[in-house]
Every structure is written in structure tokens, then in C-alpha cells.
Protein backbone atom coordinates (compact mmCIF):
# COMPACT_ATOMS: atom_id res chain seq x y z
CA UNK A 1 109.51 75.71 -34.13
CA UNK A 2 108.65 74.88 -37.73
CA UNK A 3 106.00 75.74 -40.31
CA UNK A 4 104.47 74.11 -43.36
CA UNK A 5 104.35 76.54 -46.29
CA UNK A 6 102.97 76.23 -49.79
CA UNK A 7 104.71 77.63 -52.85
CA UNK A 8 104.81 76.50 -56.45
CA UNK A 9 101.97 74.05 -55.85
CA UNK A 10 104.01 72.08 -53.31
CA UNK A 11 104.25 72.09 -49.52
CA UNK A 12 107.54 72.40 -47.63
CA UNK A 13 108.60 72.13 -43.99
CA UNK A 14 110.39 75.35 -43.06
CA UNK A 15 112.58 75.74 -39.97
CA UNK A 16 114.69 78.79 -39.09
CA UNK A 17 118.15 78.62 -40.72
CA UNK A 18 117.16 75.70 -42.98
CA UNK A 19 117.71 75.62 -46.74
CA UNK A 20 114.79 74.87 -49.05
CA UNK A 21 115.04 73.98 -52.72
CA UNK A 22 111.78 75.27 -54.22
CA UNK A 23 110.34 76.06 -57.64
CA UNK A 24 111.94 79.03 -59.39
CA UNK A 25 111.07 82.45 -57.97
CA UNK A 26 111.66 85.94 -59.29
CA UNK A 27 114.27 87.99 -57.45
CA UNK A 28 117.99 88.50 -57.14
CA UNK A 29 120.34 86.64 -54.81
CA UNK A 30 120.20 88.21 -51.35
CA UNK A 31 116.62 89.45 -51.75
CA UNK A 32 114.26 88.87 -48.82
CA UNK A 33 111.00 87.13 -49.69
CA UNK A 34 107.88 86.36 -47.65
CA UNK A 35 105.68 83.28 -47.86
CA UNK A 36 102.19 84.16 -46.66
CA UNK A 37 100.57 80.84 -47.53
CA UNK A 38 101.34 79.19 -44.18
CA UNK A 39 99.35 75.99 -43.58
CA UNK A 40 100.64 74.88 -40.17
CA UNK A 41 102.90 76.21 -37.41
CA UNK A 42 104.33 74.12 -34.57
CA UNK A 43 105.24 76.41 -31.68
CA UNK A 44 106.68 75.58 -28.27
CA UNK A 45 103.23 75.75 -26.65
CA UNK A 46 100.75 74.28 -29.13
CA UNK A 47 100.33 73.73 -32.87
CA UNK A 48 98.37 76.22 -34.99
CA UNK A 49 96.43 74.68 -37.86
CA UNK A 50 95.19 76.79 -40.77
CA UNK A 51 91.82 76.49 -42.47
CA UNK A 52 93.33 76.32 -45.12
CA UNK A 53 95.93 78.99 -44.23
CA UNK A 54 96.78 80.90 -41.07
CA UNK A 55 95.95 84.62 -41.36
CA UNK A 56 98.80 87.03 -40.49
CA UNK A 57 101.35 84.20 -40.36
CA UNK A 58 104.45 84.83 -42.48
CA UNK A 59 107.62 82.88 -43.14
CA UNK A 60 110.55 85.09 -44.20
CA UNK A 61 113.50 83.88 -46.19
CA UNK A 62 116.48 85.02 -48.24
CA UNK A 63 117.31 83.86 -51.76
CA UNK A 64 120.66 82.05 -51.70
CA UNK A 65 120.98 81.02 -55.35
CA UNK A 66 119.24 80.15 -58.60
CA UNK A 67 120.33 76.93 -60.33
CA UNK A 68 119.16 73.91 -62.27
CA UNK A 69 118.83 70.27 -61.18
CA UNK A 70 120.65 67.29 -62.65
CA UNK A 71 119.68 66.29 -66.17
CA UNK A 72 117.08 63.58 -66.67
CA UNK A 73 116.64 61.61 -69.90
CA UNK A 74 113.19 61.41 -71.48
CA UNK A 75 113.05 58.43 -73.87
CA UNK A 76 110.06 57.54 -76.05
CA UNK A 77 109.75 54.41 -78.14
CA UNK A 78 107.10 52.51 -80.08
CA UNK A 79 108.05 48.92 -80.61
CA UNK A 80 108.41 47.53 -84.12
CA UNK A 81 107.79 50.96 -85.71
CA UNK A 82 111.28 52.45 -85.71
CA UNK A 83 110.14 55.37 -83.54
CA UNK A 84 112.66 56.50 -80.92
CA UNK A 85 113.08 59.96 -79.39
CA UNK A 86 115.55 61.01 -76.70
CA UNK A 87 115.40 64.35 -74.93
CA UNK A 88 116.86 65.76 -71.75
CA UNK A 89 115.38 68.09 -69.16
CA UNK A 90 116.80 70.23 -66.35
CA UNK A 91 114.34 71.86 -63.96
CA UNK A 92 115.22 75.28 -62.58
CA UNK A 93 115.00 75.93 -58.84
CA UNK A 94 115.64 78.60 -56.24
CA UNK A 95 117.45 77.85 -52.99
CA UNK A 96 116.05 79.82 -50.03
CA UNK A 97 117.38 80.15 -46.46
CA UNK A 98 114.54 80.53 -43.96
CA UNK A 99 115.30 83.40 -41.57
CA UNK A 100 112.17 83.87 -39.47
CA UNK A 101 108.69 82.48 -38.75
CA UNK A 102 106.18 85.12 -37.64
CA UNK A 103 102.97 83.89 -35.99
CA UNK A 104 99.87 85.90 -35.07
């Protein structure tokens, strides 16, 4: 059984006991969170497709940690003008362990 959920403007495939690295969420480590924007659920019998979401379907998870990704380098340059700028960026994320998928 798995579900497709939407959070942070992106869609993720969630299976029980899987780890998801999603956009930063509020909450402390160990807090239980619920994703109610469930787009699709594949059960043992038949798939359930939302229009656009499935009412009363919830995916529950637990926050494992908050961290930041590897650094990327942002480099800007205009040729023959002496313009060069270098910056770095690290995106924050929340790691969530999916505990349960509840279907209607």
C-alpha cells in the first residue's frame, strides 16, 4: 500500500515505514503530523484516485529530524564587464517517517 501526498508544492510517494525528505515543516522532533492532501492511494484491492484530493484520507508521519542539504554554488558572470558574483545556498528540509495511511 502506498499513497501520493502533496506538501510544500511537491508530490511524494509515501509508504508505511519509509523516510521522506520534504520542505521544512514546523514542529519538534518526535511530533506526529498529518498530511490531508492525499492525491492517490494504492490499496490491495483497487486504487483510489482523488479529484483532486481524496476526502477523509490521511497520511500520518513522525518528524525524525530537521537539517540542511549540501551547499550549492550560485555563480553569476557578465563577460567582458568584470562582473562576477559567487554565493552559496543550503536548503532546509524536514525528514519524516511515514507511520500510517488511513483511507476512507
